N, C-alpha and C. Protein backbone atom coordinates (compact mmCIF):
# COMPACT_ATOMS: atom_id res chain seq x y z
N UNK A 1 -1.79 15.54 17.77
CA UNK A 1 -2.30 16.85 16.98
C UNK A 1 -2.49 18.15 17.51
N UNK A 2 -2.13 19.38 16.78
CA UNK A 2 -3.00 20.39 17.57
C UNK A 2 -5.03 20.17 17.25
N UNK A 3 -5.30 21.07 18.03
CA UNK A 3 -7.38 21.09 17.53
C UNK A 3 -6.93 21.80 16.29
N UNK A 4 -6.35 22.91 15.98
CA UNK A 4 -6.16 23.86 15.28
C UNK A 4 -6.19 22.65 14.11
N UNK A 5 -4.75 22.34 13.75
CA UNK A 5 -5.05 21.27 12.28
C UNK A 5 -5.73 19.92 12.64
N UNK A 6 -6.56 19.90 13.78
CA UNK A 6 -7.96 18.92 13.47
C UNK A 6 -8.55 19.71 12.72
N UNK A 7 -8.94 20.81 13.22
CA UNK A 7 -10.41 21.71 13.03
C UNK A 7 -9.82 21.65 11.28
N UNK A 8 -8.22 22.37 10.78
CA UNK A 8 -8.10 21.85 8.86
C UNK A 8 -8.56 20.77 8.38
N UNK A 9 -8.02 19.56 9.36
CA UNK A 9 -8.57 18.98 8.75
C UNK A 9 -10.27 18.35 8.24
N UNK A 10 -10.45 18.51 9.19
CA UNK A 10 -12.55 18.38 8.79
C UNK A 10 -12.03 19.19 7.70
N UNK A 11 -12.53 20.59 8.18
CA UNK A 11 -12.92 21.79 7.18
C UNK A 11 -11.80 20.51 5.27
N UNK A 12 -10.86 19.86 5.56
CA UNK A 12 -10.66 19.70 4.53
C UNK A 12 -11.16 18.28 4.20
N UNK A 13 -11.85 17.46 4.40
CA UNK A 13 -13.51 16.69 4.56
C UNK A 13 -13.86 17.13 4.25
N UNK A 14 -14.72 18.32 4.35
CA UNK A 14 -15.84 18.60 3.64
C UNK A 14 -16.02 19.12 2.51
N UNK A 15 -14.26 20.04 2.02
CA UNK A 15 -14.19 19.96 1.22
C UNK A 15 -13.37 18.57 -0.10
N UNK A 16 -12.93 17.98 0.47
CA UNK A 16 -13.02 16.76 -0.74
C UNK A 16 -14.27 16.00 -0.57
N UNK A 17 -15.13 16.17 0.21
CA UNK A 17 -17.19 15.61 -0.39
C UNK A 17 -17.59 17.01 -0.39
N UNK A 18 -17.62 17.56 -0.75
CA UNK A 18 -18.36 18.70 -2.40
C UNK A 18 -17.61 18.62 -3.39
N UNK A 19 -16.05 19.03 -3.86
CA UNK A 19 -15.26 18.82 -5.13
C UNK A 19 -16.07 17.24 -5.23
N UNK A 20 -15.86 15.67 -4.64
CA UNK A 20 -16.67 14.76 -5.06
C UNK A 20 -17.64 15.34 -6.03
N UNK A 21 -19.22 15.44 -4.57
CA UNK A 21 -20.28 15.49 -5.21
C UNK A 21 -20.27 16.49 -6.95
N UNK A 22 -18.85 17.50 -6.76
CA UNK A 22 -19.56 18.36 -8.29
C UNK A 22 -18.67 17.67 -9.05
N UNK A 23 -18.06 16.51 -8.65
CA UNK A 23 -17.01 15.84 -10.27
C UNK A 23 -17.90 15.00 -10.36
N UNK A 24 -19.03 14.22 -9.76
CA UNK A 24 -20.55 13.91 -10.67
C UNK A 24 -21.73 14.36 -10.47
N UNK A 25 -21.85 15.14 -10.66
CA UNK A 25 -22.38 16.70 -11.66
C UNK A 25 -21.60 16.27 -12.76
N UNK A 26 -20.75 17.10 -13.30
CA UNK A 26 -20.17 17.42 -13.96
C UNK A 26 -19.26 16.27 -15.29
N UNK A 27 -19.81 14.71 -13.92
CA UNK A 27 -19.49 13.73 -15.50
C UNK A 27 -21.13 13.34 -16.04
N UNK A 28 -22.10 13.74 -15.37
CA UNK A 28 -23.49 13.07 -15.40
C UNK A 28 -23.08 13.97 -16.21
N UNK A 29 -23.39 15.60 -16.57
CA UNK A 29 -23.05 16.58 -17.69
C UNK A 29 -22.27 16.23 -18.63
N UNK A 30 -21.65 15.57 -18.79
CA UNK A 30 -20.53 15.74 -19.59
C UNK A 30 -21.26 14.26 -20.92
N UNK A 31 -22.32 13.67 -19.64
CA UNK A 31 -22.60 11.64 -20.30
C UNK A 31 -23.59 12.44 -21.09
N UNK A 32 -24.08 13.59 -20.98
CA UNK A 32 -24.84 13.85 -21.86
C UNK A 32 -24.69 14.72 -23.14
N UNK A 33 -24.44 15.13 -23.66
CA UNK A 33 -23.57 15.54 -24.32
C UNK A 33 -22.92 14.44 -25.30
N UNK A 34 -23.06 15.01 -26.45
CA UNK A 34 -22.86 14.38 -27.67
C UNK A 34 -21.39 14.00 -28.08
N UNK A 35 -20.79 14.52 -27.44
CA UNK A 35 -18.93 13.58 -27.70
C UNK A 35 -18.86 13.68 -26.21
N UNK A 36 -19.42 13.34 -25.22
CA UNK A 36 -19.06 13.00 -23.88
C UNK A 36 -17.09 14.26 -23.40
N UNK A 37 -16.34 12.76 -24.54
CA UNK A 37 -15.22 13.46 -23.61
C UNK A 37 -14.72 14.60 -24.45
N UNK A 38 -15.94 15.31 -25.26
CA UNK A 38 -14.99 16.56 -25.66
C UNK A 38 -16.17 17.80 -25.22
N UNK A 39 -16.21 17.10 -24.26
CA UNK A 39 -17.42 18.69 -23.37
C UNK A 39 -16.66 18.72 -22.47
N UNK A 40 -16.91 20.36 -23.36
CA UNK A 40 -16.39 21.20 -21.68
C UNK A 40 -16.79 20.32 -20.36
N UNK A 41 -17.66 20.17 -19.68
CA UNK A 41 -17.62 19.64 -18.27
C UNK A 41 -16.84 18.47 -18.77
N UNK A 42 -16.19 17.69 -19.19
CA UNK A 42 -15.54 16.77 -18.84
C UNK A 42 -14.50 16.85 -18.82
N UNK A 43 -14.68 18.21 -19.72
CA UNK A 43 -12.30 18.50 -19.02
C UNK A 43 -11.98 19.42 -17.66
N UNK A 44 -13.23 19.62 -17.47
CA UNK A 44 -14.28 20.69 -16.21
C UNK A 44 -13.64 19.38 -14.94
N UNK A 45 -14.07 18.40 -14.94
CA UNK A 45 -14.93 17.85 -13.93
C UNK A 45 -13.15 16.53 -13.71
N UNK A 46 -12.20 16.69 -14.72
CA UNK A 46 -10.49 16.30 -14.95
C UNK A 46 -10.17 17.04 -13.69
N UNK A 47 -10.47 17.96 -14.01
CA UNK A 47 -9.92 19.34 -12.66
C UNK A 47 -10.77 19.33 -11.22
N UNK A 48 -11.36 19.25 -11.03
CA UNK A 48 -12.21 18.89 -10.36
C UNK A 48 -11.72 17.20 -9.47
N UNK A 49 -11.53 16.80 -10.30
CA UNK A 49 -10.71 15.42 -9.92
C UNK A 49 -9.85 14.99 -8.84
N UNK A 50 -8.24 16.17 -10.05
CA UNK A 50 -7.45 16.45 -9.72
C UNK A 50 -6.78 16.80 -7.93
N UNK A 51 -8.79 17.97 -8.37
CA UNK A 51 -8.31 18.57 -6.95
C UNK A 51 -8.65 18.72 -5.30
N UNK A 52 -10.05 17.74 -5.54
CA UNK A 52 -9.87 16.32 -4.87
C UNK A 52 -8.94 15.33 -4.31
N UNK A 53 -8.16 15.65 -5.14
CA UNK A 53 -6.90 13.86 -5.03
C UNK A 53 -6.03 14.82 -4.46
N UNK A 54 -5.62 16.55 -4.92
CA UNK A 54 -5.09 16.70 -4.03
C UNK A 54 -5.08 17.25 -2.97
N UNK A 55 -6.79 17.29 -1.57
CA UNK A 55 -7.00 17.83 -1.24
C UNK A 55 -7.30 15.97 -0.16
N UNK A 56 -7.04 15.31 -0.98
CA UNK A 56 -7.69 14.19 0.04
C UNK A 56 -5.76 13.34 0.45
N UNK A 57 -4.75 13.93 -0.45
CA UNK A 57 -3.21 14.04 0.48
C UNK A 57 -3.27 14.22 1.78
N UNK A 58 -3.68 15.77 1.74
CA UNK A 58 -3.39 16.91 2.65
C UNK A 58 -4.17 16.12 3.76
N UNK A 59 -4.94 16.02 3.24
CA UNK A 59 -6.02 15.13 4.58
C UNK A 59 -5.07 14.07 5.73
N UNK A 60 -4.31 13.03 4.19
CA UNK A 60 -4.03 11.82 4.66
C UNK A 60 -2.66 12.40 5.89
N UNK A 61 -2.12 13.60 5.12
CA UNK A 61 -0.79 14.76 5.88
C UNK A 61 -0.70 14.68 7.33
N UNK A 62 -2.49 15.11 7.78
CA UNK A 62 -2.43 16.07 8.21
C UNK A 62 -3.11 14.87 9.37
N UNK A 63 -2.53 13.51 9.42
CA UNK A 63 -3.57 12.72 9.95
C UNK A 63 -2.56 11.54 10.59
N UNK A 64 -0.92 11.97 10.40
CA UNK A 64 -0.31 11.35 10.03
C UNK A 64 0.25 12.03 11.35
N UNK A 65 0.39 11.10 12.79
CA UNK A 65 0.68 11.38 13.94
C UNK A 65 2.77 11.74 13.24
N UNK A 66 3.24 12.35 13.78
CA UNK A 66 4.36 12.37 13.79
C UNK A 66 5.55 11.15 13.93
N UNK A 67 4.97 10.68 14.65
CA UNK A 67 6.02 9.34 15.34
C UNK A 67 5.13 7.76 14.06
N UNK A 68 4.31 8.14 13.59
CA UNK A 68 4.67 7.42 12.56
C UNK A 68 4.50 7.28 10.82
N UNK A 69 4.76 8.43 10.66
CA UNK A 69 6.10 9.02 9.16
C UNK A 69 7.05 8.38 10.23
N UNK A 70 7.10 8.10 8.19
CA UNK A 70 8.73 7.33 8.20
C UNK A 70 9.11 8.24 7.58
N UNK A 71 10.10 8.56 8.59
CA UNK A 71 11.19 9.27 7.82
C UNK A 71 12.61 9.47 8.23
N UNK A 72 13.43 9.51 6.90
CA UNK A 72 14.86 9.00 7.82
C UNK A 72 15.44 9.31 8.23
């Protein structure tokens, strides 16, 4: 893998960790509300979690070597 792709992958790993931390903070905030499911923090937490998962997919794609890909 090229050095630039490796650098991007490392940056994405840092971003995924930051998004995970933010998600936990938002979850704690939502749980403190009277109605956690209706909390604006709960809605934001769901969006942040989806973003983290997308970043993790990109990390996985950049981590694969071309030889390991199962392409038809």
